[in-house]
Amino acid sequence: MFTDRITTKKLAKQLSRLSENFRQAFSKNSQAKCKESSPSFMHLTLTQLYYIRAIASKPSITSSDLSKVFDVQRPTVTNIVSRLCKAGLVIRQQSETDRRVFHLALTDTGNHIMEAQEESCKRIAATAEKIFTQEELETYYELNDRLLKSL
């Protein structure tokens, strides 16, 4: 049996397809759940979803922290955070110790979107458990973990 050599171009295409399929699966699984409680979910960009995840992952995160996490300038972070605040997904809370600092937190609606994302990830994982053997899952996990650590 002849198999094509895996090239950088071929691997990049596969990773792109995987990313797009994850986005579609997340969207499909989450839209129904978020549509009534958070119509603003329907208009979120992938970048905004990344910011929501980062804000959810670290209590009291600041715009400066996000600037470092995403390796972007503070005005870029301010713009995205402002849109998330306007959509009712994020709030700014002034620091009690330094009035120049504002901590970011998710609103109930922002938390609802995070829960929908987590549920979608669990559904995708459940699908993987159905179609792969335990050995394949372990191999996938090890390879994916190695790739993530090198990024």
C-alpha atoms as a PDB file:
ATOM      1  CA  MET A   1       0.000   0.000   0.000  1.00  0.00           C
ATOM      2  CA  PHE A   2       1.419   3.368  -1.052  1.00  0.00           C
ATOM      3  CA  THR A   3       1.081   6.298   1.363  1.00  0.00           C
ATOM      4  CA  ASP A   4       1.907   9.897   0.608  1.00  0.00           C
ATOM      5  CA  ARG A   5       4.741  11.478   2.517  1.00  0.00           C
ATOM      6  CA  ILE A   6       3.443  13.932   5.113  1.00  0.00           C
ATOM      7  CA  THR A   7       4.773  17.359   4.161  1.00  0.00           C
ATOM      8  CA  THR A   8       4.592  20.635   6.039  1.00  0.00           C
ATOM      9  CA  LYS A   9       2.005  21.867   3.537  1.00  0.00           C
ATOM     10  CA  LYS A  10      -0.124  18.745   3.947  1.00  0.00           C
ATOM     11  CA  LEU A  11       0.112  18.856   7.755  1.00  0.00           C
ATOM     12  CA  ALA A  12      -0.733  22.576   7.800  1.00  0.00           C
ATOM     13  CA  LYS A  13      -3.803  21.904   5.656  1.00  0.00           C
ATOM     14  CA  GLN A  14      -4.914  19.114   8.003  1.00  0.00           C
ATOM     15  CA  LEU A  15      -4.423  21.328  11.081  1.00  0.00           C
ATOM     16  CA  SER A  16      -6.402  24.094   9.386  1.00  0.00           C
ATOM     17  CA  ARG A  17      -9.250  21.677   8.619  1.00  0.00           C
ATOM     18  CA  LEU A  18      -9.175  20.398  12.196  1.00  0.00           C
ATOM     19  CA  SER A  19      -9.315  23.940  13.557  1.00  0.00           C
ATOM     20  CA  GLU A  20     -12.225  24.844  11.283  1.00  0.00           C
ATOM     21  CA  ASN A  21     -14.106  21.655  12.168  1.00  0.00           C
ATOM     22  CA  PHE A  22     -13.624  22.360  15.883  1.00  0.00           C
ATOM     23  CA  ARG A  23     -14.939  25.888  15.332  1.00  0.00           C
ATOM     24  CA  GLN A  24     -17.985  24.560  13.468  1.00  0.00           C
ATOM     25  CA  ALA A  25     -18.656  21.883  16.093  1.00  0.00           C
ATOM     26  CA  PHE A  26     -18.378  24.457  18.865  1.00  0.00           C
ATOM     27  CA  SER A  27     -20.671  26.817  17.007  1.00  0.00           C
ATOM     28  CA  LYS A  28     -23.249  24.116  16.290  1.00  0.00           C
ATOM     29  CA  ASN A  29     -23.249  22.791  19.863  1.00  0.00           C
ATOM     30  CA  SER A  30     -23.221  26.196  21.504  1.00  0.00           C
ATOM     31  CA  GLN A  31     -25.560  28.299  19.412  1.00  0.00           C
ATOM     32  CA  ALA A  32     -28.721  26.631  20.623  1.00  0.00           C
ATOM     33  CA  LYS A  33     -27.605  26.861  24.235  1.00  0.00           C
ATOM     34  CA  CYS A  34     -26.492  30.493  24.044  1.00  0.00           C
ATOM     35  CA  LYS A  35     -29.002  31.889  21.557  1.00  0.00           C
ATOM     36  CA  GLU A  36     -31.681  32.797  24.102  1.00  0.00           C
ATOM     37  CA  SER A  37     -29.485  33.822  27.022  1.00  0.00           C
ATOM     38  CA  SER A  38     -26.754  35.463  24.966  1.00  0.00           C
ATOM     39  CA  PRO A  39     -27.669  36.665  21.493  1.00  0.00           C
ATOM     40  CA  SER A  40     -24.301  38.468  21.468  1.00  0.00           C
ATOM     41  CA  PHE A  41     -22.629  35.050  21.232  1.00  0.00           C
ATOM     42  CA  MET A  42     -23.742  34.838  17.629  1.00  0.00           C
ATOM     43  CA  HIS A  43     -21.466  37.750  16.703  1.00  0.00           C
ATOM     44  CA  LEU A  44     -18.285  36.823  18.575  1.00  0.00           C
ATOM     45  CA  THR A  45     -15.064  36.412  16.670  1.00  0.00           C
ATOM     46  CA  LEU A  46     -12.619  33.612  17.363  1.00  0.00           C
ATOM     47  CA  THR A  47     -10.233  36.186  18.865  1.00  0.00           C
ATOM     48  CA  GLN A  48     -12.938  37.389  21.246  1.00  0.00           C
ATOM     49  CA  LEU A  49     -13.580  33.788  22.307  1.00  0.00           C
ATOM     50  CA  TYR A  50      -9.849  33.407  23.030  1.00  0.00           C
ATOM     51  CA  TYR A  51      -9.994  36.517  25.213  1.00  0.00           C
ATOM     52  CA  ILE A  52     -13.037  35.198  27.062  1.00  0.00           C
ATOM     53  CA  ARG A  53     -11.194  31.941  27.739  1.00  0.00           C
ATOM     54  CA  ALA A  54      -8.094  33.813  28.972  1.00  0.00           C
ATOM     55  CA  ILE A  55     -10.184  36.024  31.261  1.00  0.00           C
ATOM     56  CA  ALA A  56     -11.996  32.979  32.638  1.00  0.00           C
ATOM     57  CA  SER A  57      -8.724  31.142  33.271  1.00  0.00           C
ATOM     58  CA  LYS A  58      -7.150  33.740  35.560  1.00  0.00           C
ATOM     59  CA  PRO A  59      -9.050  35.614  38.252  1.00  0.00           C
ATOM     60  CA  SER A  60      -8.170  39.307  38.387  1.00  0.00           C
ATOM     61  CA  ILE A  61      -6.433  39.336  35.010  1.00  0.00           C
ATOM     62  CA  THR A  62      -5.651  42.799  33.651  1.00  0.00           C
ATOM     63  CA  SER A  63      -5.367  44.228  30.160  1.00  0.00           C
ATOM     64  CA  SER A  64      -1.583  44.285  30.622  1.00  0.00           C
ATOM     65  CA  ASP A  65      -1.678  40.560  31.390  1.00  0.00           C
ATOM     66  CA  LEU A  66      -3.714  39.911  28.237  1.00  0.00           C
ATOM     67  CA  SER A  67      -1.257  41.992  26.237  1.00  0.00           C
ATOM     68  CA  LYS A  68       1.518  39.637  27.354  1.00  0.00           C
ATOM     69  CA  VAL A  69      -0.556  36.462  26.880  1.00  0.00           C
ATOM     70  CA  PHE A  70      -1.469  37.314  23.291  1.00  0.00           C
ATOM     71  CA  ASP A  71       1.728  39.246  22.500  1.00  0.00           C
ATOM     72  CA  VAL A  72      -0.158  42.290  21.249  1.00  0.00           C
ATOM     73  CA  GLN A  73      -0.117  45.994  22.064  1.00  0.00           C
ATOM     74  CA  ARG A  74      -2.331  47.329  24.878  1.00  0.00           C
ATOM     75  CA  PRO A  75      -4.547  49.370  22.512  1.00  0.00           C
ATOM     76  CA  THR A  76      -5.441  46.126  20.719  1.00  0.00           C
ATOM     77  CA  VAL A  77      -6.413  44.526  24.028  1.00  0.00           C
ATOM     78  CA  THR A  78      -8.349  47.627  25.088  1.00  0.00           C
ATOM     79  CA  ASN A  79     -10.323  47.566  21.836  1.00  0.00           C
ATOM     80  CA  ILE A  80     -11.282  43.898  22.171  1.00  0.00           C
ATOM     81  CA  VAL A  81     -12.066  44.163  25.891  1.00  0.00           C
ATOM     82  CA  SER A  82     -14.211  47.241  25.252  1.00  0.00           C
ATOM     83  CA  ARG A  83     -16.258  45.296  22.708  1.00  0.00           C
ATOM     84  CA  LEU A  84     -16.662  42.420  25.153  1.00  0.00           C
ATOM     85  CA  CYS A  85     -17.770  44.855  27.861  1.00  0.00           C
ATOM     86  CA  LYS A  86     -20.240  46.500  25.472  1.00  0.00           C
ATOM     87  CA  ALA A  87     -21.634  43.035  24.633  1.00  0.00           C
ATOM     88  CA  GLY A  88     -22.159  42.413  28.353  1.00  0.00           C
ATOM     89  CA  LEU A  89     -19.659  39.545  28.546  1.00  0.00           C
ATOM     90  CA  VAL A  90     -16.837  41.163  30.543  1.00  0.00           C
ATOM     91  CA  ILE A  91     -16.690  43.744  33.302  1.00  0.00           C
ATOM     92  CA  ARG A  92     -13.825  45.936  34.465  1.00  0.00           C
ATOM     93  CA  GLN A  93     -13.328  46.156  38.216  1.00  0.00           C
ATOM     94  CA  GLN A  94     -11.075  48.824  39.662  1.00  0.00           C
ATOM     95  CA  SER A  95      -8.336  47.489  41.930  1.00  0.00           C
ATOM     96  CA  GLU A  96      -8.731  48.326  45.606  1.00  0.00           C
ATOM     97  CA  THR A  97      -4.975  48.624  46.049  1.00  0.00           C
ATOM     98  CA  ASP A  98      -4.062  50.538  42.879  1.00  0.00           C
ATOM     99  CA  ARG A  99      -6.813  52.714  41.409  1.00  0.00           C
ATOM    100  CA  ARG A 100      -4.978  52.869  38.053  1.00  0.00           C
ATOM    101  CA  VAL A 101      -5.434  49.101  37.583  1.00  0.00           C
ATOM    102  CA  PHE A 102      -8.604  47.424  36.361  1.00  0.00           C
ATOM    103  CA  HIS A 103      -9.167  43.711  36.728  1.00  0.00           C
ATOM    104  CA  LEU A 104     -11.281  41.877  34.181  1.00  0.00           C
ATOM    105  CA  ALA A 105     -13.947  39.311  34.955  1.00  0.00           C
ATOM    106  CA  LEU A 106     -16.661  37.517  33.042  1.00  0.00           C
ATOM    107  CA  THR A 107     -20.278  38.404  33.578  1.00  0.00           C
ATOM    108  CA  ASP A 108     -22.861  35.667  34.057  1.00  0.00           C
ATOM    109  CA  THR A 109     -23.409  35.719  30.299  1.00  0.00           C
ATOM    110  CA  GLY A 110     -19.660  35.445  29.662  1.00  0.00           C
ATOM    111  CA  ASN A 111     -19.508  32.493  32.047  1.00  0.00           C
ATOM    112  CA  HIS A 112     -22.441  30.921  30.212  1.00  0.00           C
ATOM    113  CA  ILE A 113     -20.480  31.137  26.951  1.00  0.00           C
ATOM    114  CA  MET A 114     -17.457  29.525  28.647  1.00  0.00           C
ATOM    115  CA  GLU A 115     -19.679  26.694  29.902  1.00  0.00           C
ATOM    116  CA  ALA A 116     -20.984  26.187  26.362  1.00  0.00           C
ATOM    117  CA  GLN A 117     -17.396  26.015  25.069  1.00  0.00           C
ATOM    118  CA  GLU A 118     -16.459  23.459  27.717  1.00  0.00           C
ATOM    119  CA  GLU A 119     -19.543  21.384  26.940  1.00  0.00           C
ATOM    120  CA  SER A 120     -18.666  21.452  23.258  1.00  0.00           C
ATOM    121  CA  CYS A 121     -15.108  20.263  24.009  1.00  0.00           C
ATOM    122  CA  LYS A 122     -16.531  17.409  26.088  1.00  0.00           C
ATOM    123  CA  ARG A 123     -18.821  16.396  23.213  1.00  0.00           C
ATOM    124  CA  ILE A 124     -15.885  16.336  20.802  1.00  0.00           C
ATOM    125  CA  ALA A 125     -13.878  14.280  23.322  1.00  0.00           C
ATOM    126  CA  ALA A 126     -16.799  11.852  23.698  1.00  0.00           C
ATOM    127  CA  THR A 127     -16.884  11.445  19.919  1.00  0.00           C
ATOM    128  CA  ALA A 128     -13.137  10.737  19.914  1.00  0.00           C
ATOM    129  CA  GLU A 129     -13.637   8.089  22.614  1.00  0.00           C
ATOM    130  CA  LYS A 130     -16.219   6.379  20.397  1.00  0.00           C
ATOM    131  CA  ILE A 131     -14.112   6.245  17.238  1.00  0.00           C
ATOM    132  CA  PHE A 132     -10.599   5.648  18.623  1.00  0.00           C
ATOM    133  CA  THR A 133      -9.200   2.834  20.714  1.00  0.00           C
ATOM    134  CA  GLN A 134      -7.688   3.629  24.103  1.00  0.00           C
ATOM    135  CA  GLU A 135      -4.225   3.112  22.617  1.00  0.00           C
ATOM    136  CA  GLU A 136      -4.987   5.555  19.779  1.00  0.00           C
ATOM    137  CA  LEU A 137      -6.311   8.110  22.269  1.00  0.00           C
ATOM    138  CA  GLU A 138      -3.151   7.804  24.365  1.00  0.00           C
ATOM    139  CA  THR A 139      -0.962   8.221  21.285  1.00  0.00           C
ATOM    140  CA  TYR A 140      -3.001  11.216  20.115  1.00  0.00           C
ATOM    141  CA  TYR A 141      -2.804  12.801  23.561  1.00  0.00           C
ATOM    142  CA  GLU A 142       0.958  12.282  23.825  1.00  0.00           C
ATOM    143  CA  LEU A 143       1.617  13.672  20.345  1.00  0.00           C
ATOM    144  CA  ASN A 144      -0.720  16.625  20.837  1.00  0.00           C
ATOM    145  CA  ASP A 145       0.803  17.372  24.251  1.00  0.00           C
ATOM    146  CA  ARG A 146       4.291  17.352  22.726  1.00  0.00           C
ATOM    147  CA  LEU A 147       3.195  19.695  19.959  1.00  0.00           C
ATOM    148  CA  LEU A 148       1.496  22.085  22.389  1.00  0.00           C
ATOM    149  CA  LYS A 149       4.569  22.217  24.625  1.00  0.00           C
ATOM    150  CA  SER A 150       6.740  23.201  21.674  1.00  0.00           C
ATOM    151  CA  LEU A 151       4.526  26.083  20.548  1.00  0.00           C
END
